[in-house]
C-alpha atoms as a PDB file:
ATOM      1  CA  MET A   1     -42.240  -4.867  23.628  1.00  0.00           C
ATOM      2  CA  LYS A   2     -42.834  -1.246  24.586  1.00  0.00           C
ATOM      3  CA  GLY A   3     -46.261  -1.285  22.927  1.00  0.00           C
ATOM      4  CA  ARG A   4     -47.204  -4.493  24.733  1.00  0.00           C
ATOM      5  CA  PHE A   5     -46.109  -3.011  28.078  1.00  0.00           C
ATOM      6  CA  LEU A   6     -48.249   0.103  27.517  1.00  0.00           C
ATOM      7  CA  PHE A   7     -51.159  -2.106  26.453  1.00  0.00           C
ATOM      8  CA  LEU A   8     -50.917  -4.034  29.734  1.00  0.00           C
ATOM      9  CA  LEU A   9     -50.772  -0.780  31.696  1.00  0.00           C
ATOM     10  CA  PHE A  10     -53.745   0.776  29.900  1.00  0.00           C
ATOM     11  CA  PRO A  11     -56.474  -0.716  32.155  1.00  0.00           C
ATOM     12  CA  PHE A  12     -54.620   0.508  35.265  1.00  0.00           C
ATOM     13  CA  ILE A  13     -54.061   3.984  33.803  1.00  0.00           C
ATOM     14  CA  SER A  14     -57.708   4.203  32.771  1.00  0.00           C
ATOM     15  CA  PHE A  15     -58.823   3.205  36.265  1.00  0.00           C
ATOM     16  CA  VAL A  16     -56.626   5.855  37.911  1.00  0.00           C
ATOM     17  CA  GLN A  17     -57.843   8.555  35.520  1.00  0.00           C
ATOM     18  CA  PHE A  18     -61.465   7.555  36.155  1.00  0.00           C
ATOM     19  CA  ALA A  19     -60.927   7.501  39.926  1.00  0.00           C
ATOM     20  CA  VAL A  20     -59.265  10.917  39.910  1.00  0.00           C
ATOM     21  CA  ALA A  21     -62.064  12.436  37.847  1.00  0.00           C
ATOM     22  CA  ASP A  22     -64.743  10.809  39.995  1.00  0.00           C
ATOM     23  CA  VAL A  23     -63.202  11.776  43.347  1.00  0.00           C
ATOM     24  CA  ASN A  24     -62.430  15.337  42.253  1.00  0.00           C
ATOM     25  CA  SER A  25     -66.045  15.924  41.219  1.00  0.00           C
ATOM     26  CA  THR A  26     -67.365  14.802  44.599  1.00  0.00           C
ATOM     27  CA  PHE A  27     -65.778  17.359  46.913  1.00  0.00           C
ATOM     28  CA  PRO A  28     -65.289  21.149  46.801  1.00  0.00           C
ATOM     29  CA  PHE A  29     -61.522  20.601  46.562  1.00  0.00           C
ATOM     30  CA  LYS A  30     -59.347  18.606  44.193  1.00  0.00           C
ATOM     31  CA  VAL A  31     -55.793  17.393  43.775  1.00  0.00           C
ATOM     32  CA  GLY A  32     -53.571  20.417  43.157  1.00  0.00           C
ATOM     33  CA  GLU A  33     -55.457  22.826  45.408  1.00  0.00           C
ATOM     34  CA  ARG A  34     -53.032  25.049  47.310  1.00  0.00           C
ATOM     35  CA  LEU A  35     -53.960  27.568  49.998  1.00  0.00           C
ATOM     36  CA  GLU A  36     -51.300  29.993  51.239  1.00  0.00           C
ATOM     37  CA  TYR A  37     -51.588  31.944  54.493  1.00  0.00           C
ATOM     38  CA  ASP A  38     -49.849  34.831  56.224  1.00  0.00           C
ATOM     39  CA  LEU A  39     -49.182  34.162  59.900  1.00  0.00           C
ATOM     40  CA  SER A  40     -49.159  36.873  62.534  1.00  0.00           C
ATOM     41  CA  TRP A  41     -48.744  37.079  66.290  1.00  0.00           C
ATOM     42  CA  GLY A  42     -50.725  40.087  67.401  1.00  0.00           C
ATOM     43  CA  PHE A  43     -49.677  42.832  64.982  1.00  0.00           C
ATOM     44  CA  PHE A  44     -46.376  41.180  64.040  1.00  0.00           C
ATOM     45  CA  PRO A  45     -45.966  39.060  60.861  1.00  0.00           C
ATOM     46  CA  VAL A  46     -44.195  35.860  61.906  1.00  0.00           C
ATOM     47  CA  GLY A  47     -44.308  33.528  58.901  1.00  0.00           C
ATOM     48  CA  SER A  48     -46.406  31.607  56.432  1.00  0.00           C
ATOM     49  CA  ALA A  49     -48.388  28.392  56.131  1.00  0.00           C
ATOM     50  CA  ILE A  50     -49.541  26.229  53.214  1.00  0.00           C
ATOM     51  CA  MET A  51     -52.401  23.730  53.002  1.00  0.00           C
ATOM     52  CA  GLN A  52     -52.502  21.594  49.894  1.00  0.00           C
ATOM     53  CA  VAL A  53     -54.152  18.546  48.384  1.00  0.00           C
ATOM     54  CA  GLU A  54     -50.972  16.841  47.245  1.00  0.00           C
ATOM     55  CA  SER A  55     -52.148  13.763  45.350  1.00  0.00           C
ATOM     56  CA  LEU A  56     -54.261  10.639  45.164  1.00  0.00           C
ATOM     57  CA  THR A  57     -52.272   7.648  46.304  1.00  0.00           C
ATOM     58  CA  GLU A  58     -52.804   4.009  47.161  1.00  0.00           C
ATOM     59  CA  MET A  59     -52.301   2.806  50.721  1.00  0.00           C
ATOM     60  CA  GLU A  60     -53.258  -0.572  52.133  1.00  0.00           C
ATOM     61  CA  GLY A  61     -55.143  -1.438  48.966  1.00  0.00           C
ATOM     62  CA  GLU A  62     -57.404   1.614  48.793  1.00  0.00           C
ATOM     63  CA  LEU A  63     -57.351   4.920  46.974  1.00  0.00           C
ATOM     64  CA  CYS A  64     -56.567   7.786  49.340  1.00  0.00           C
ATOM     65  CA  TYR A  65     -56.034  11.519  49.421  1.00  0.00           C
ATOM     66  CA  LEU A  66     -52.690  12.843  50.574  1.00  0.00           C
ATOM     67  CA  VAL A  67     -53.018  16.316  52.115  1.00  0.00           C
ATOM     68  CA  LYS A  68     -50.250  18.439  53.579  1.00  0.00           C
ATOM     69  CA  PHE A  69     -49.877  21.378  55.929  1.00  0.00           C
ATOM     70  CA  SER A  70     -46.588  23.204  56.451  1.00  0.00           C
ATOM     71  CA  VAL A  71     -45.596  26.114  58.673  1.00  0.00           C
ATOM     72  CA  ARG A  72     -42.494  28.261  58.348  1.00  0.00           C
ATOM     73  CA  THR A  73     -41.520  31.243  60.480  1.00  0.00           C
ATOM     74  CA  ASN A  74     -39.856  34.285  58.904  1.00  0.00           C
ATOM     75  CA  SER A  75     -36.381  35.637  59.698  1.00  0.00           C
ATOM     76  CA  PHE A  76     -37.772  37.887  62.438  1.00  0.00           C
ATOM     77  CA  ALA A  77     -39.540  35.064  64.285  1.00  0.00           C
ATOM     78  CA  ASP A  78     -36.614  32.675  63.704  1.00  0.00           C
ATOM     79  CA  GLN A  79     -34.585  34.714  66.180  1.00  0.00           C
ATOM     80  CA  PHE A  80     -37.013  33.838  68.949  1.00  0.00           C
ATOM     81  CA  TYR A  81     -38.659  30.560  67.979  1.00  0.00           C
ATOM     82  CA  LYS A  82     -37.815  28.902  64.687  1.00  0.00           C
ATOM     83  CA  VAL A  83     -40.502  26.685  63.149  1.00  0.00           C
ATOM     84  CA  ARG A  84     -40.196  24.362  60.154  1.00  0.00           C
ATOM     85  CA  THR A  85     -42.989  21.838  60.556  1.00  0.00           C
ATOM     86  CA  THR A  86     -44.730  19.687  57.951  1.00  0.00           C
ATOM     87  CA  ILE A  87     -47.767  17.489  58.551  1.00  0.00           C
ATOM     88  CA  GLU A  88     -49.075  14.858  56.136  1.00  0.00           C
ATOM     89  CA  SER A  89     -52.404  13.072  56.297  1.00  0.00           C
ATOM     90  CA  THR A  90     -53.471  10.097  54.198  1.00  0.00           C
ATOM     91  CA  VAL A  91     -57.272   9.798  54.185  1.00  0.00           C
ATOM     92  CA  SER A  92     -59.679   7.406  52.498  1.00  0.00           C
ATOM     93  CA  SER A  93     -61.051   8.744  49.211  1.00  0.00           C
ATOM     94  CA  ASP A  94     -64.507   9.298  50.732  1.00  0.00           C
ATOM     95  CA  PHE A  95     -62.901  11.208  53.623  1.00  0.00           C
ATOM     96  CA  SER A  96     -64.543   8.975  56.226  1.00  0.00           C
ATOM     97  CA  ARG A  97     -61.363   7.814  57.997  1.00  0.00           C
ATOM     98  CA  SER A  98     -57.648   8.462  58.316  1.00  0.00           C
ATOM     99  CA  ILE A  99     -55.175   5.802  57.250  1.00  0.00           C
ATOM    100  CA  ASN A 100     -51.862   7.428  58.144  1.00  0.00           C
ATOM    101  CA  TYR A 101     -50.731  10.648  59.824  1.00  0.00           C
ATOM    102  CA  GLN A 102     -47.199  11.947  60.184  1.00  0.00           C
ATOM    103  CA  LYS A 103     -45.500  15.052  61.451  1.00  0.00           C
ATOM    104  CA  SER A 104     -41.959  16.270  60.837  1.00  0.00           C
ATOM    105  CA  GLN A 105     -41.594  18.808  63.613  1.00  0.00           C
ATOM    106  CA  GLN A 106     -38.913  21.436  64.094  1.00  0.00           C
ATOM    107  CA  GLU A 107     -40.076  23.980  66.643  1.00  0.00           C
ATOM    108  CA  GLY A 108     -37.519  25.789  68.752  1.00  0.00           C
ATOM    109  CA  SER A 109     -35.214  23.160  70.240  1.00  0.00           C
ATOM    110  CA  THR A 110     -37.703  20.354  69.512  1.00  0.00           C
ATOM    111  CA  LYS A 111     -36.962  18.136  66.543  1.00  0.00           C
ATOM    112  CA  ARG A 112     -38.867  14.923  65.996  1.00  0.00           C
ATOM    113  CA  LYS A 113     -40.746  12.835  63.486  1.00  0.00           C
ATOM    114  CA  ILE A 114     -43.881  10.974  64.449  1.00  0.00           C
ATOM    115  CA  VAL A 115     -46.056   8.563  62.488  1.00  0.00           C
ATOM    116  CA  VAL A 116     -49.531   7.375  63.421  1.00  0.00           C
ATOM    117  CA  ARG A 117     -50.948   4.262  61.780  1.00  0.00           C
ATOM    118  CA  TYR A 118     -54.675   3.607  62.044  1.00  0.00           C
ATOM    119  CA  ASP A 119     -55.324  -0.142  62.126  1.00  0.00           C
ATOM    120  CA  TYR A 120     -59.066  -0.710  61.777  1.00  0.00           C
ATOM    121  CA  GLU A 121     -58.821  -4.489  61.968  1.00  0.00           C
ATOM    122  CA  GLN A 122     -57.335  -4.231  65.453  1.00  0.00           C
ATOM    123  CA  GLN A 123     -59.274  -0.997  66.109  1.00  0.00           C
ATOM    124  CA  LYS A 124     -56.147   0.706  67.376  1.00  0.00           C
ATOM    125  CA  ALA A 125     -54.023   3.691  66.443  1.00  0.00           C
ATOM    126  CA  PHE A 126     -50.281   3.087  66.803  1.00  0.00           C
ATOM    127  CA  TYR A 127     -48.014   6.027  67.654  1.00  0.00           C
ATOM    128  CA  TRP A 128     -44.500   5.718  66.213  1.00  0.00           C
ATOM    129  CA  GLU A 129     -41.501   7.861  67.136  1.00  0.00           C
ATOM    130  CA  GLY A 130     -37.833   7.147  66.622  1.00  0.00           C
ATOM    131  CA  GLY A 131     -38.710   4.151  64.465  1.00  0.00           C
ATOM    132  CA  LYS A 132     -40.525   2.399  67.327  1.00  0.00           C
ATOM    133  CA  VAL A 133     -44.092   2.053  68.507  1.00  0.00           C
ATOM    134  CA  GLN A 134     -44.335   4.207  71.615  1.00  0.00           C
ATOM    135  CA  SER A 135     -48.009   3.706  72.431  1.00  0.00           C
ATOM    136  CA  SER A 136     -51.395   2.685  71.083  1.00  0.00           C
ATOM    137  CA  VAL A 137     -54.975   3.736  71.722  1.00  0.00           C
ATOM    138  CA  ALA A 138     -58.350   2.146  70.969  1.00  0.00           C
ATOM    139  CA  ILE A 139     -60.323   3.716  68.107  1.00  0.00           C
ATOM    140  CA  PRO A 140     -63.734   3.130  66.490  1.00  0.00           C
ATOM    141  CA  ASN A 141     -64.114   1.945  62.892  1.00  0.00           C
ATOM    142  CA  LYS A 142     -63.877   5.510  61.587  1.00  0.00           C
ATOM    143  CA  VAL A 143     -61.667   8.249  62.984  1.00  0.00           C
ATOM    144  CA  LEU A 144     -59.975  11.394  61.660  1.00  0.00           C
ATOM    145  CA  ASP A 145     -56.559  12.837  62.392  1.00  0.00           C
ATOM    146  CA  PRO A 146     -56.081  16.522  63.373  1.00  0.00           C
ATOM    147  CA  LEU A 147     -55.270  17.683  59.808  1.00  0.00           C
ATOM    148  CA  SER A 148     -57.956  15.749  57.926  1.00  0.00           C
ATOM    149  CA  ILE A 149     -60.646  17.433  60.068  1.00  0.00           C
ATOM    150  CA  ALA A 150     -60.051  20.716  58.235  1.00  0.00           C
ATOM    151  CA  TYR A 151     -60.865  19.032  54.914  1.00  0.00           C
ATOM    152  CA  PHE A 152     -63.654  16.791  56.216  1.00  0.00           C
ATOM    153  CA  PHE A 153     -65.467  19.878  57.453  1.00  0.00           C
ATOM    154  CA  ARG A 154     -65.512  21.159  53.870  1.00  0.00           C
ATOM    155  CA  THR A 155     -67.176  18.027  52.465  1.00  0.00           C
ATOM    156  CA  GLN A 156     -70.552  18.950  53.968  1.00  0.00           C
ATOM    157  CA  GLU A 157     -72.642  22.092  54.033  1.00  0.00           C
ATOM    158  CA  ILE A 158     -71.912  24.337  57.014  1.00  0.00           C
ATOM    159  CA  GLN A 159     -74.977  25.966  58.528  1.00  0.00           C
ATOM    160  CA  SER A 160     -75.078  28.678  61.182  1.00  0.00           C
ATOM    161  CA  GLY A 161     -76.276  27.424  64.555  1.00  0.00           C
ATOM    162  CA  HIS A 162     -75.554  23.779  63.798  1.00  0.00           C
ATOM    163  CA  GLN A 163     -72.900  21.544  65.311  1.00  0.00           C
ATOM    164  CA  LYS A 164     -70.921  18.488  64.273  1.00  0.00           C
ATOM    165  CA  THR A 165     -69.214  15.803  66.327  1.00  0.00           C
ATOM    166  CA  LEU A 166     -65.911  14.638  64.860  1.00  0.00           C
ATOM    167  CA  PRO A 167     -64.173  11.460  66.117  1.00  0.00           C
ATOM    168  CA  THR A 168     -60.514  12.463  66.328  1.00  0.00           C
ATOM    169  CA  CYS A 169     -57.271  10.726  67.247  1.00  0.00           C
ATOM    170  CA  ASP A 170     -53.692  12.013  67.148  1.00  0.00           C
ATOM    171  CA  GLY A 171     -52.240   8.618  68.032  1.00  0.00           C
ATOM    172  CA  LYS A 172     -52.161   9.263  71.766  1.00  0.00           C
ATOM    173  CA  ARG A 173     -55.750  10.144  72.604  1.00  0.00           C
ATOM    174  CA  PHE A 174     -59.177   9.605  71.114  1.00  0.00           C
ATOM    175  CA  ARG A 175     -61.643  12.474  71.425  1.00  0.00           C
ATOM    176  CA  GLU A 176     -65.145  13.302  70.214  1.00  0.00           C
ATOM    177  CA  ILE A 177     -64.650  16.938  69.208  1.00  0.00           C
ATOM    178  CA  ILE A 178     -67.843  19.003  69.052  1.00  0.00           C
ATOM    179  CA  VAL A 179     -67.577  21.893  66.585  1.00  0.00           C
ATOM    180  CA  ARG A 180     -70.228  24.609  66.589  1.00  0.00           C
ATOM    181  CA  ALA A 181     -70.997  26.854  63.622  1.00  0.00           C
ATOM    182  CA  GLY A 182     -71.651  30.512  64.406  1.00  0.00           C
ATOM    183  CA  LYS A 183     -72.869  33.451  62.393  1.00  0.00           C
ATOM    184  CA  LYS A 184     -72.058  34.348  58.821  1.00  0.00           C
ATOM    185  CA  LYS A 185     -70.003  37.515  58.380  1.00  0.00           C
ATOM    186  CA  LYS A 186     -67.874  39.251  55.784  1.00  0.00           C
ATOM    187  CA  ILE A 187     -64.175  38.510  56.208  1.00  0.00           C
ATOM    188  CA  SER A 188     -61.418  40.566  54.608  1.00  0.00           C
ATOM    189  CA  VAL A 189     -58.069  38.818  54.055  1.00  0.00           C
ATOM    190  CA  PRO A 190     -55.183  39.435  51.623  1.00  0.00           C
ATOM    191  CA  ALA A 191     -56.784  37.002  49.135  1.00  0.00           C
ATOM    192  CA  GLY A 192     -59.960  39.121  49.022  1.00  0.00           C
ATOM    193  CA  LYS A 193     -63.318  39.498  50.727  1.00  0.00           C
ATOM    194  CA  PHE A 194     -65.421  36.478  51.572  1.00  0.00           C
ATOM    195  CA  TYR A 195     -68.704  35.721  53.268  1.00  0.00           C
ATOM    196  CA  ALA A 196     -67.744  33.097  55.818  1.00  0.00           C
ATOM    197  CA  ILE A 197     -69.192  31.121  58.723  1.00  0.00           C
ATOM    198  CA  GLU A 198     -67.269  30.977  61.974  1.00  0.00           C
ATOM    199  CA  THR A 199     -66.694  27.550  63.513  1.00  0.00           C
ATOM    200  CA  MET A 200     -65.396  26.851  66.999  1.00  0.00           C
ATOM    201  CA  PRO A 201     -64.613  23.566  68.795  1.00  0.00           C
ATOM    202  CA  GLU A 202     -65.563  23.070  72.428  1.00  0.00           C
ATOM    203  CA  MET A 203     -62.369  23.804  74.302  1.00  0.00           C
ATOM    204  CA  GLN A 204     -62.802  21.227  77.069  1.00  0.00           C
ATOM    205  CA  ASN A 205     -62.216  18.510  74.476  1.00  0.00           C
ATOM    206  CA  LEU A 206     -58.926  20.006  73.292  1.00  0.00           C
ATOM    207  CA  ARG A 207     -55.571  19.529  74.996  1.00  0.00           C
ATOM    208  CA  GLY A 208     -52.016  20.785  74.603  1.00  0.00           C
ATOM    209  CA  VAL A 209     -51.521  24.529  74.851  1.00  0.00           C
ATOM    210  CA  PHE A 210     -55.301  25.090  75.032  1.00  0.00           C
ATOM    211  CA  LYS A 211     -55.501  23.036  78.250  1.00  0.00           C
ATOM    212  CA  LYS A 212     -53.275  25.600  79.980  1.00  0.00           C
ATOM    213  CA  SER A 213     -55.308  28.553  78.802  1.00  0.00           C
ATOM    214  CA  PRO A 214     -58.737  28.867  80.491  1.00  0.00           C
ATOM    215  CA  ASP A 215     -59.728  31.606  78.037  1.00  0.00           C
ATOM    216  CA  GLY A 216     -58.323  29.763  75.018  1.00  0.00           C
ATOM    217  CA  ILE A 217     -60.255  30.184  71.785  1.00  0.00           C
ATOM    218  CA  LEU A 218     -59.849  28.549  68.398  1.00  0.00           C
ATOM    219  CA  ARG A 219     -61.870  29.820  65.458  1.00  0.00           C
ATOM    220  CA  VAL A 220     -61.926  28.905  61.773  1.00  0.00           C
ATOM    221  CA  TRP A 221     -63.934  30.835  59.185  1.00  0.00           C
ATOM    222  CA  TYR A 222     -65.077  28.820  56.137  1.00  0.00           C
ATOM    223  CA  SER A 223     -66.276  30.611  53.009  1.00  0.00           C
ATOM    224  CA  THR A 224     -69.978  30.150  52.259  1.00  0.00           C
ATOM    225  CA  ASP A 225     -69.440  29.424  48.568  1.00  0.00           C
ATOM    226  CA  ARG A 226     -69.308  25.881  47.193  1.00  0.00           C
ATOM    227  CA  ARG A 227     -65.567  25.544  47.919  1.00  0.00           C
ATOM    228  CA  ARG A 228     -65.925  26.192  51.677  1.00  0.00           C
ATOM    229  CA  ILE A 229     -62.343  27.422  51.943  1.00  0.00           C
ATOM    230  CA  PRO A 230     -60.857  28.101  55.396  1.00  0.00           C
ATOM    231  CA  VAL A 231     -60.131  31.808  54.828  1.00  0.00           C
ATOM    232  CA  LYS A 232     -59.054  32.682  58.362  1.00  0.00           C
ATOM    233  CA  ILE A 233     -57.833  30.829  61.442  1.00  0.00           C
ATOM    234  CA  SER A 234     -57.549  32.550  64.800  1.00  0.00           C
ATOM    235  CA  SER A 235     -56.313  31.185  68.115  1.00  0.00           C
ATOM    236  CA  LYS A 236     -56.045  32.821  71.490  1.00  0.00           C
ATOM    237  CA  VAL A 237     -53.899  30.906  73.967  1.00  0.00           C
ATOM    238  CA  ILE A 238     -51.755  31.564  76.997  1.00  0.00           C
ATOM    239  CA  VAL A 239     -48.880  32.917  74.895  1.00  0.00           C
ATOM    240  CA  GLY A 240     -50.986  35.370  72.880  1.00  0.00           C
ATOM    241  CA  SER A 241     -53.138  35.564  69.787  1.00  0.00           C
ATOM    242  CA  PHE A 242     -52.206  34.014  66.452  1.00  0.00           C
ATOM    243  CA  ASN A 243     -53.894  34.548  63.101  1.00  0.00           C
ATOM    244  CA  ALA A 244     -53.593  32.845  59.720  1.00  0.00           C
ATOM    245  CA  ASN A 245     -55.112  34.892  56.898  1.00  0.00           C
ATOM    246  CA  LEU A 246     -55.548  33.488  53.405  1.00  0.00           C
ATOM    247  CA  ARG A 247     -53.154  35.226  51.032  1.00  0.00           C
ATOM    248  CA  LYS A 248     -53.273  33.224  47.800  1.00  0.00           C
ATOM    249  CA  THR A 249     -55.128  30.300  46.227  1.00  0.00           C
ATOM    250  CA  SER A 250     -54.378  28.093  43.238  1.00  0.00           C
ATOM    251  CA  GLY A 251     -55.694  24.866  41.732  1.00  0.00           C
ATOM    252  CA  LEU A 252     -59.210  25.434  43.010  1.00  0.00           C
ATOM    253  CA  ASN A 253     -62.021  23.114  41.972  1.00  0.00           C
END
C-alpha cells in the first residue's frame, strides 16, 4: 500500500521538483535566500530586519513565490517604540503579479493584521482587517504589492539613468510608482563592499509618512552583480533618517 501511494505521488513530486529547479534558474534569487540587515536611526542602532524567499507554494491553482520581510527593534528602541512586524507576499512564479499580501503589525500601541487579496477576475483588490472586508479598489490585470516590488526590481537589469514604472497596490490605493536609477557607486556595509546602483521612487506618488515630509527621500542601492541584492536602504522622513545596511547573506543563488 505504501509503495502504491508513493507511486501515485511520484508524478506530483517530479513536477514540483522540476518547477522549483526551473523557477530558481530564472531569477537572481532562489528559495532559501535570506538577507539580514542592521537598522539604525541616525547614529543609533535600533534593530534588525530580514528579507527572505520562504518557499514555492500553490495558491489559486498556480505556483507562487512566498517572500517575507520582518522588522524587530532592539531593547534600546523597545523603550521608545517597540516594533515586531512581519509582512508576507505571495507572487506569481514569473513575478508579474501579486496574489496575496498580508501584514502582522505591532508598532508602538498599534496592533493589527491585514490581508489583501488580488482578484484579477473582478479586477479588484480586497482589503481585509479584523476578519472582514473593509474596502476594495480597482486594479489592472497585473499589479504588485509593496514588498514584491523589491524582488521584481531584481528580475531585470538595472541601468544608470533609466527608469521603471511599477503598478502598485497596498489594498487601499493603486499607484503607478516611477523609480529612477542613479549612478553606480561603491557601498560599504557590514556584509562587505559592493558596487551598487542607487534607485529612488518619485516621492509625489508615495503616501503615508512620506506625504508629511516635503524633503522625504527613499533610496535603495542594488548590487551590480548578477544577484542584484538590495545592500542598503535609506529613508529620510519627518521623524529623522533611517538606514538598513546588509549584514549577512545566506542561500544565495
